Amino acid sequence: REQYDLVKPGEEAYAILPAPESDKPKAKPKVVVA
């Protein structure tokens, strides 16, 4: 159950997924002007 996520016949397996990343756009790197 722990390592291979196996279940007995008749049981249902559920997987908890990580939260999605925020919808905020990633900050663009600042361009350094000489």
PDB file of all heavy atoms in Angstrom:
ATOM      1  N   ARG A   1       0.829  -1.211   0.000  1.00  0.00           N
ATOM      2  CA  ARG A   1       0.000   0.000   0.000  1.00  0.00           C
ATOM      3  C   ARG A   1       0.863   1.262   0.000  1.00  0.00           C
ATOM      4  O   ARG A   1       0.583   2.223  -0.712  1.00  0.00           O
ATOM      5  CB  ARG A   1      -0.913   0.015   1.229  1.00  0.00           C
ATOM      6  CG  ARG A   1      -2.016  -1.001   1.171  1.00  0.00           C
ATOM      7  CD  ARG A   1      -2.848  -0.963   2.451  1.00  0.00           C
ATOM      8  NE  ARG A   1      -3.902  -1.936   2.443  1.00  0.00           N
ATOM      9  CZ  ARG A   1      -5.119  -1.722   1.938  1.00  0.00           C
ATOM     10  NH1 ARG A   1      -5.411  -0.570   1.408  1.00  0.00           N
ATOM     11  NH2 ARG A   1      -6.031  -2.666   1.977  1.00  0.00           N
ATOM     12  N   GLU A   2       1.915   1.260   0.788  1.00  0.00           N
ATOM     13  CA  GLU A   2       2.733   2.460   0.966  1.00  0.00           C
ATOM     14  C   GLU A   2       3.621   2.747  -0.242  1.00  0.00           C
ATOM     15  O   GLU A   2       3.677   3.867  -0.728  1.00  0.00           O
ATOM     16  CB  GLU A   2       3.599   2.284   2.213  1.00  0.00           C
ATOM     17  CG  GLU A   2       4.461   3.465   2.561  1.00  0.00           C
ATOM     18  CD  GLU A   2       5.289   3.180   3.805  1.00  0.00           C
ATOM     19  OE1 GLU A   2       4.694   2.986   4.882  1.00  0.00           O
ATOM     20  OE2 GLU A   2       6.521   3.124   3.666  1.00  0.00           O
ATOM     21  N   GLN A   3       4.306   1.732  -0.748  1.00  0.00           N
ATOM     22  CA  GLN A   3       5.300   1.965  -1.793  1.00  0.00           C
ATOM     23  C   GLN A   3       4.750   1.783  -3.208  1.00  0.00           C
ATOM     24  O   GLN A   3       5.239   2.410  -4.140  1.00  0.00           O
ATOM     25  CB  GLN A   3       6.505   1.038  -1.584  1.00  0.00           C
ATOM     26  CG  GLN A   3       7.270   1.342  -0.323  1.00  0.00           C
ATOM     27  CD  GLN A   3       8.453   0.408  -0.122  1.00  0.00           C
ATOM     28  OE1 GLN A   3       8.711  -0.463  -0.953  1.00  0.00           O
ATOM     29  NE2 GLN A   3       9.164   0.587   0.974  1.00  0.00           N
ATOM     30  N   TYR A   4       3.753   0.929  -3.377  1.00  0.00           N
ATOM     31  CA  TYR A   4       3.284   0.619  -4.724  1.00  0.00           C
ATOM     32  C   TYR A   4       1.843   1.061  -4.970  1.00  0.00           C
ATOM     33  O   TYR A   4       1.282   0.776  -6.025  1.00  0.00           O
ATOM     34  CB  TYR A   4       3.427  -0.882  -4.994  1.00  0.00           C
ATOM     35  CG  TYR A   4       4.854  -1.346  -4.852  1.00  0.00           C
ATOM     36  CD1 TYR A   4       5.237  -2.132  -3.773  1.00  0.00           C
ATOM     37  CD2 TYR A   4       5.816  -0.986  -5.780  1.00  0.00           C
ATOM     38  CE1 TYR A   4       6.553  -2.545  -3.636  1.00  0.00           C
ATOM     39  CE2 TYR A   4       7.131  -1.388  -5.648  1.00  0.00           C
ATOM     40  CZ  TYR A   4       7.487  -2.166  -4.574  1.00  0.00           C
ATOM     41  OH  TYR A   4       8.783  -2.570  -4.438  1.00  0.00           O
ATOM     42  N   ASP A   5       1.212   1.703  -3.991  1.00  0.00           N
ATOM     43  CA  ASP A   5      -0.157   2.218  -4.109  1.00  0.00           C
ATOM     44  C   ASP A   5      -1.145   1.129  -4.525  1.00  0.00           C
ATOM     45  O   ASP A   5      -2.054   1.361  -5.318  1.00  0.00           O
ATOM     46  CB  ASP A   5      -0.216   3.380  -5.102  1.00  0.00           C
ATOM     47  CG  ASP A   5       0.666   4.538  -4.678  1.00  0.00           C
ATOM     48  OD1 ASP A   5       0.769   4.785  -3.458  1.00  0.00           O
ATOM     49  OD2 ASP A   5       1.251   5.201  -5.557  1.00  0.00           O
ATOM     50  N   LEU A   6      -0.962  -0.073  -4.020  1.00  0.00           N
ATOM     51  CA  LEU A   6      -1.877  -1.174  -4.321  1.00  0.00           C
ATOM     52  C   LEU A   6      -3.067  -1.139  -3.365  1.00  0.00           C
ATOM     53  O   LEU A   6      -2.966  -0.685  -2.230  1.00  0.00           O
ATOM     54  CB  LEU A   6      -1.150  -2.514  -4.216  1.00  0.00           C
ATOM     55  CG  LEU A   6       0.015  -2.715  -5.199  1.00  0.00           C
ATOM     56  CD1 LEU A   6       0.667  -4.065  -4.956  1.00  0.00           C
ATOM     57  CD2 LEU A   6      -0.469  -2.622  -6.631  1.00  0.00           C
ATOM     58  N   VAL A   7      -4.212  -1.642  -3.846  1.00  0.00           N
ATOM     59  CA  VAL A   7      -5.421  -1.717  -3.020  1.00  0.00           C
ATOM     60  C   VAL A   7      -5.988  -3.124  -3.142  1.00  0.00           C
ATOM     61  O   VAL A   7      -5.725  -3.849  -4.098  1.00  0.00           O
ATOM     62  CB  VAL A   7      -6.464  -0.668  -3.461  1.00  0.00           C
ATOM     63  CG1 VAL A   7      -5.959   0.732  -3.187  1.00  0.00           C
ATOM     64  CG2 VAL A   7      -6.828  -0.827  -4.914  1.00  0.00           C
ATOM     65  N   LYS A   8      -6.823  -3.484  -2.173  1.00  0.00           N
ATOM     66  CA  LYS A   8      -7.490  -4.776  -2.223  1.00  0.00           C
ATOM     67  C   LYS A   8      -8.656  -4.682  -3.204  1.00  0.00           C
ATOM     68  O   LYS A   8      -9.155  -3.585  -3.485  1.00  0.00           O
ATOM     69  CB  LYS A   8      -8.006  -5.145  -0.834  1.00  0.00           C
ATOM     70  CG  LYS A   8      -6.927  -5.544   0.130  1.00  0.00           C
ATOM     71  CD  LYS A   8      -7.538  -5.992   1.443  1.00  0.00           C
ATOM     72  CE  LYS A   8      -6.458  -6.478   2.390  1.00  0.00           C
ATOM     73  NZ  LYS A   8      -7.020  -6.927   3.667  1.00  0.00           N
ATOM     74  N   PRO A   9      -9.112  -5.816  -3.715  1.00  0.00           N
ATOM     75  CA  PRO A   9     -10.266  -5.786  -4.616  1.00  0.00           C
ATOM     76  C   PRO A   9     -11.475  -5.170  -3.895  1.00  0.00           C
ATOM     77  O   PRO A   9     -11.768  -5.485  -2.748  1.00  0.00           O
ATOM     78  CB  PRO A   9     -10.525  -7.259  -4.939  1.00  0.00           C
ATOM     79  CG  PRO A   9      -9.223  -7.937  -4.688  1.00  0.00           C
ATOM     80  CD  PRO A   9      -8.560  -7.162  -3.599  1.00  0.00           C
ATOM     81  N   GLY A  10     -12.146  -4.255  -4.571  1.00  0.00           N
ATOM     82  CA  GLY A  10     -13.308  -3.588  -3.998  1.00  0.00           C
ATOM     83  C   GLY A  10     -12.976  -2.252  -3.348  1.00  0.00           C
ATOM     84  O   GLY A  10     -13.882  -1.466  -3.063  1.00  0.00           O
ATOM     85  N   GLU A  11     -11.722  -1.980  -3.099  1.00  0.00           N
ATOM     86  CA  GLU A  11     -11.328  -0.694  -2.520  1.00  0.00           C
ATOM     87  C   GLU A  11     -11.046   0.309  -3.633  1.00  0.00           C
ATOM     88  O   GLU A  11     -10.754  -0.063  -4.767  1.00  0.00           O
ATOM     89  CB  GLU A  11     -10.071  -0.842  -1.662  1.00  0.00           C
ATOM     90  CG  GLU A  11     -10.259  -1.634  -0.404  1.00  0.00           C
ATOM     91  CD  GLU A  11      -8.984  -1.725   0.421  1.00  0.00           C
ATOM     92  OE1 GLU A  11      -7.897  -1.467  -0.119  1.00  0.00           O
ATOM     93  OE2 GLU A  11      -9.089  -2.063   1.600  1.00  0.00           O
ATOM     94  N   GLU A  12     -11.166   1.567  -3.297  1.00  0.00           N
ATOM     95  CA  GLU A  12     -10.855   2.623  -4.252  1.00  0.00           C
ATOM     96  C   GLU A  12      -9.605   3.362  -3.773  1.00  0.00           C
ATOM     97  O   GLU A  12      -9.467   3.642  -2.597  1.00  0.00           O
ATOM     98  CB  GLU A  12     -12.015   3.609  -4.369  1.00  0.00           C
ATOM     99  CG  GLU A  12     -13.241   3.022  -5.010  1.00  0.00           C
ATOM    100  CD  GLU A  12     -14.355   4.047  -5.158  1.00  0.00           C
ATOM    101  OE1 GLU A  12     -14.067   5.253  -5.027  1.00  0.00           O
ATOM    102  OE2 GLU A  12     -15.480   3.627  -5.382  1.00  0.00           O
ATOM    103  N   ALA A  13      -8.751   3.681  -4.718  1.00  0.00           N
ATOM    104  CA  ALA A  13      -7.529   4.407  -4.385  1.00  0.00           C
ATOM    105  C   ALA A  13      -7.702   5.870  -4.782  1.00  0.00           C
ATOM    106  O   ALA A  13      -8.211   6.178  -5.859  1.00  0.00           O
ATOM    107  CB  ALA A  13      -6.348   3.812  -5.128  1.00  0.00           C
ATOM    108  N   TYR A  14      -7.318   6.747  -3.896  1.00  0.00           N
ATOM    109  CA  TYR A  14      -7.367   8.181  -4.162  1.00  0.00           C
ATOM    110  C   TYR A  14      -5.955   8.745  -4.041  1.00  0.00           C
ATOM    111  O   TYR A  14      -5.205   8.364  -3.158  1.00  0.00           O
ATOM    112  CB  TYR A  14      -8.283   8.892  -3.150  1.00  0.00           C
ATOM    113  CG  TYR A  14      -9.727   8.483  -3.270  1.00  0.00           C
ATOM    114  CD1 TYR A  14     -10.261   7.498  -2.444  1.00  0.00           C
ATOM    115  CD2 TYR A  14     -10.545   9.067  -4.213  1.00  0.00           C
ATOM    116  CE1 TYR A  14     -11.573   7.117  -2.551  1.00  0.00           C
ATOM    117  CE2 TYR A  14     -11.872   8.697  -4.326  1.00  0.00           C
ATOM    118  CZ  TYR A  14     -12.381   7.716  -3.489  1.00  0.00           C
ATOM    119  OH  TYR A  14     -13.689   7.348  -3.607  1.00  0.00           O
ATOM    120  N   ALA A  15      -5.659   9.665  -4.937  1.00  0.00           N
ATOM    121  CA  ALA A  15      -4.348  10.318  -4.900  1.00  0.00           C
ATOM    122  C   ALA A  15      -4.570  11.796  -4.636  1.00  0.00           C
ATOM    123  O   ALA A  15      -5.389  12.433  -5.297  1.00  0.00           O
ATOM    124  CB  ALA A  15      -3.618  10.125  -6.213  1.00  0.00           C
ATOM    125  N   ILE A  16      -3.886  12.326  -3.684  1.00  0.00           N
ATOM    126  CA  ILE A  16      -3.983  13.745  -3.373  1.00  0.00           C
ATOM    127  C   ILE A  16      -2.873  14.444  -4.131  1.00  0.00           C
ATOM    128  O   ILE A  16      -1.689  14.197  -3.901  1.00  0.00           O
ATOM    129  CB  ILE A  16      -3.869  13.988  -1.859  1.00  0.00           C
ATOM    130  CG1 ILE A  16      -4.996  13.267  -1.141  1.00  0.00           C
ATOM    131  CG2 ILE A  16      -3.869  15.477  -1.566  1.00  0.00           C
ATOM    132  CD1 ILE A  16      -4.911  13.314   0.353  1.00  0.00           C
ATOM    133  N   LEU A  17      -3.283  15.310  -5.050  1.00  0.00           N
ATOM    134  CA  LEU A  17      -2.317  16.002  -5.885  1.00  0.00           C
ATOM    135  C   LEU A  17      -1.883  17.295  -5.222  1.00  0.00           C
ATOM    136  O   LEU A  17      -2.633  17.882  -4.440  1.00  0.00           O
ATOM    137  CB  LEU A  17      -2.937  16.302  -7.254  1.00  0.00           C
ATOM    138  CG  LEU A  17      -3.405  15.069  -8.024  1.00  0.00           C
ATOM    139  CD1 LEU A  17      -4.108  15.486  -9.306  1.00  0.00           C
ATOM    140  CD2 LEU A  17      -2.244  14.161  -8.338  1.00  0.00           C
ATOM    141  N   PRO A  18      -0.712  17.777  -5.565  1.00  0.00           N
ATOM    142  CA  PRO A  18      -0.273  19.055  -4.993  1.00  0.00           C
ATOM    143  C   PRO A  18      -1.112  20.204  -5.557  1.00  0.00           C
ATOM    144  O   PRO A  18      -1.691  20.097  -6.637  1.00  0.00           O
ATOM    145  CB  PRO A  18       1.187  19.168  -5.431  1.00  0.00           C
ATOM    146  CG  PRO A  18       1.321  18.244  -6.587  1.00  0.00           C
ATOM    147  CD  PRO A  18       0.292  17.175  -6.405  1.00  0.00           C
ATOM    148  N   ALA A  19      -1.186  21.276  -4.812  1.00  0.00           N
ATOM    149  CA  ALA A  19      -1.960  22.438  -5.245  1.00  0.00           C
ATOM    150  C   ALA A  19      -1.347  22.999  -6.523  1.00  0.00           C
ATOM    151  O   ALA A  19      -0.128  23.005  -6.687  1.00  0.00           O
ATOM    152  CB  ALA A  19      -1.959  23.498  -4.153  1.00  0.00           C
ATOM    153  N   PRO A  20      -2.210  23.489  -7.431  1.00  0.00           N
ATOM    154  CA  PRO A  20      -1.665  24.063  -8.664  1.00  0.00           C
ATOM    155  C   PRO A  20      -0.902  25.339  -8.359  1.00  0.00           C
ATOM    156  O   PRO A  20      -1.178  26.035  -7.380  1.00  0.00           O
ATOM    157  CB  PRO A  20      -2.904  24.342  -9.516  1.00  0.00           C
ATOM    158  CG  PRO A  20      -4.011  24.453  -8.540  1.00  0.00           C
ATOM    159  CD  PRO A  20      -3.662  23.567  -7.380  1.00  0.00           C
ATOM    160  N   GLU A  21       0.024  25.636  -9.243  1.00  0.00           N
ATOM    161  CA  GLU A  21       0.791  26.861  -9.054  1.00  0.00           C
ATOM    162  C   GLU A  21      -0.126  28.049  -9.266  1.00  0.00           C
ATOM    163  O   GLU A  21      -1.116  27.972  -9.992  1.00  0.00           O
ATOM    164  CB  GLU A  21       1.958  26.905 -10.039  1.00  0.00           C
ATOM    165  CG  GLU A  21       3.004  25.856  -9.755  1.00  0.00           C
ATOM    166  CD  GLU A  21       4.191  25.990 -10.688  1.00  0.00           C
ATOM    167  OE1 GLU A  21       4.325  27.031 -11.348  1.00  0.00           O
ATOM    168  OE2 GLU A  21       4.977  25.037 -10.735  1.00  0.00           O
ATOM    169  N   SER A  22       0.196  29.173  -8.662  1.00  0.00           N
ATOM    170  CA  SER A  22      -0.656  30.353  -8.770  1.00  0.00           C
ATOM    171  C   SER A  22      -0.711  30.833 -10.222  1.00  0.00           C
ATOM    172  O   SER A  22       0.182  30.590 -11.015  1.00  0.00           O
ATOM    173  CB  SER A  22      -0.127  31.458  -7.862  1.00  0.00           C
ATOM    174  OG  SER A  22       1.158  31.840  -8.293  1.00  0.00           O
ATOM    175  N   ASP A  23      -1.807  31.534 -10.552  1.00  0.00           N
ATOM    176  CA  ASP A  23      -2.006  32.023 -11.915  1.00  0.00           C
ATOM    177  C   ASP A  23      -1.216  33.281 -12.200  1.00  0.00           C
ATOM    178  O   ASP A  23      -1.264  33.815 -13.303  1.00  0.00           O
ATOM    179  CB  ASP A  23      -3.505  32.291 -12.163  1.00  0.00           C
ATOM    180  CG  ASP A  23      -4.297  30.994 -12.106  1.00  0.00           C
ATOM    181  OD1 ASP A  23      -3.700  29.938 -12.370  1.00  0.00           O
ATOM    182  OD2 ASP A  23      -5.499  31.036 -11.804  1.00  0.00           O
ATOM    183  N   LYS A  24      -0.544  33.790 -11.218  1.00  0.00           N
ATOM    184  CA  LYS A  24       0.238  34.998 -11.422  1.00  0.00           C
ATOM    185  C   LYS A  24       1.377  34.720 -12.401  1.00  0.00           C
ATOM    186  O   LYS A  24       2.022  33.684 -12.320  1.00  0.00           O
ATOM    187  CB  LYS A  24       0.852  35.494 -10.106  1.00  0.00           C
ATOM    188  CG  LYS A  24      -0.161  35.898  -9.077  1.00  0.00           C
ATOM    189  CD  LYS A  24       0.551  36.325  -7.808  1.00  0.00           C
ATOM    190  CE  LYS A  24      -0.444  36.562  -6.696  1.00  0.00           C
ATOM    191  NZ  LYS A  24       0.237  36.872  -5.435  1.00  0.00           N
ATOM    192  N   PRO A  25       1.584  35.659 -13.338  1.00  0.00           N
ATOM    193  CA  PRO A  25       2.716  35.438 -14.244  1.00  0.00           C
ATOM    194  C   PRO A  25       4.021  35.567 -13.483  1.00  0.00           C
ATOM    195  O   PRO A  25       4.136  36.335 -12.535  1.00  0.00           O
ATOM    196  CB  PRO A  25       2.567  36.546 -15.294  1.00  0.00           C
ATOM    197  CG  PRO A  25       1.739  37.587 -14.625  1.00  0.00           C
ATOM    198  CD  PRO A  25       0.859  36.882 -13.632  1.00  0.00           C
ATOM    199  N   LYS A  26       4.955  34.793 -13.930  1.00  0.00           N
ATOM    200  CA  LYS A  26       6.262  34.838 -13.281  1.00  0.00           C
ATOM    201  C   LYS A  26       6.931  36.165 -13.607  1.00  0.00           C
ATOM    202  O   LYS A  26       6.787  36.702 -14.702  1.00  0.00           O
ATOM    203  CB  LYS A  26       7.140  33.683 -13.752  1.00  0.00           C
ATOM    204  CG  LYS A  26       6.630  32.343 -13.293  1.00  0.00           C
ATOM    205  CD  LYS A  26       7.570  31.252 -13.693  1.00  0.00           C
ATOM    206  CE  LYS A  26       7.046  29.920 -13.169  1.00  0.00           C
ATOM    207  NZ  LYS A  26       7.908  28.830 -13.558  1.00  0.00           N
ATOM    208  N   ALA A  27       7.651  36.688 -12.657  1.00  0.00           N
ATOM    209  CA  ALA A  27       8.328  37.964 -12.852  1.00  0.00           C
ATOM    210  C   ALA A  27       9.429  37.796 -13.888  1.00  0.00           C
ATOM    211  O   ALA A  27      10.194  36.832 -13.852  1.00  0.00           O
ATOM    212  CB  ALA A  27       8.907  38.461 -11.542  1.00  0.00           C
ATOM    213  N   LYS A  28       9.444  38.735 -14.828  1.00  0.00           N
ATOM    214  CA  LYS A  28      10.475  38.685 -15.854  1.00  0.00           C
ATOM    215  C   LYS A  28      11.782  39.185 -15.257  1.00  0.00           C
ATOM    216  O   LYS A  28      11.784  40.103 -14.450  1.00  0.00           O
ATOM    217  CB  LYS A  28      10.083  39.556 -17.036  1.00  0.00           C
ATOM    218  CG  LYS A  28       8.881  39.035 -17.775  1.00  0.00           C
ATOM    219  CD  LYS A  28       8.559  39.919 -18.948  1.00  0.00           C
ATOM    220  CE  LYS A  28       7.323  39.415 -19.666  1.00  0.00           C
ATOM    221  NZ  LYS A  28       6.952  40.292 -20.780  1.00  0.00           N
ATOM    222  N   PRO A  29      12.875  38.581 -15.663  1.00  0.00           N
ATOM    223  CA  PRO A  29      14.157  39.072 -15.142  1.00  0.00           C
ATOM    224  C   PRO A  29      14.426  40.480 -15.661  1.00  0.00           C
ATOM    225  O   PRO A  29      14.103  40.817 -16.799  1.00  0.00           O
ATOM    226  CB  PRO A  29      15.172  38.079 -15.682  1.00  0.00           C
ATOM    227  CG  PRO A  29      14.490  37.397 -16.813  1.00  0.00           C
ATOM    228  CD  PRO A  29      13.025  37.452 -16.553  1.00  0.00           C
ATOM    229  N   LYS A  30      14.960  41.281 -14.794  1.00  0.00           N
ATOM    230  CA  LYS A  30      15.261  42.661 -15.163  1.00  0.00           C
ATOM    231  C   LYS A  30      16.496  42.689 -16.056  1.00  0.00           C
ATOM    232  O   LYS A  30      17.470  41.995 -15.810  1.00  0.00           O
ATOM    233  CB  LYS A  30      15.521  43.505 -13.915  1.00  0.00           C
ATOM    234  CG  LYS A  30      14.300  43.675 -13.063  1.00  0.00           C
ATOM    235  CD  LYS A  30      14.598  44.564 -11.885  1.00  0.00           C
ATOM    236  CE  LYS A  30      13.358  44.727 -11.028  1.00  0.00           C
ATOM    237  NZ  LYS A  30      13.605  45.573  -9.869  1.00  0.00           N
ATOM    238  N   VAL A  31      16.389  43.503 -17.099  1.00  0.00           N
ATOM    239  CA  VAL A  31      17.514  43.664 -18.014  1.00  0.00           C
ATOM    240  C   VAL A  31      18.362  44.817 -17.497  1.00  0.00           C
ATOM    241  O   VAL A  31      17.865  45.919 -17.270  1.00  0.00           O
ATOM    242  CB  VAL A  31      17.021  43.958 -19.444  1.00  0.00           C
ATOM    243  CG1 VAL A  31      18.196  44.176 -20.371  1.00  0.00           C
ATOM    244  CG2 VAL A  31      16.146  42.818 -19.932  1.00  0.00           C
ATOM    245  N   VAL A  32      19.612  44.555 -17.304  1.00  0.00           N
ATOM    246  CA  VAL A  32      20.512  45.580 -16.808  1.00  0.00           C
ATOM    247  C   VAL A  32      21.125  46.281 -18.011  1.00  0.00           C
ATOM    248  O   VAL A  32      21.723  45.651 -18.883  1.00  0.00           O
ATOM    249  CB  VAL A  32      21.619  44.958 -15.926  1.00  0.00           C
ATOM    250  CG1 VAL A  32      22.586  46.025 -15.463  1.00  0.00           C
ATOM    251  CG2 VAL A  32      20.998  44.223 -14.757  1.00  0.00           C
ATOM    252  N   VAL A  33      20.921  47.582 -18.077  1.00  0.00           N
ATOM    253  CA  VAL A  33      21.461  48.366 -19.175  1.00  0.00           C
ATOM    254  C   VAL A  33      22.748  49.026 -18.692  1.00  0.00           C
ATOM    255  O   VAL A  33      22.779  49.642 -17.631  1.00  0.00           O
ATOM    256  CB  VAL A  33      20.450  49.446 -19.632  1.00  0.00           C
ATOM    257  CG1 VAL A  33      21.027  50.266 -20.762  1.00  0.00           C
ATOM    258  CG2 VAL A  33      19.140  48.790 -20.023  1.00  0.00           C
ATOM    259  N   ALA A  34      23.772  48.896 -19.495  1.00  0.00           N
ATOM    260  CA  ALA A  34      25.047  49.477 -19.116  1.00  0.00           C
ATOM    261  C   ALA A  34      24.973  50.993 -19.231  1.00  0.00           C
ATOM    262  O   ALA A  34      24.353  51.540 -20.144  1.00  0.00           O
ATOM    263  CB  ALA A  34      26.155  48.941 -20.001  1.00  0.00           C
TER     264      ALA A  34
END
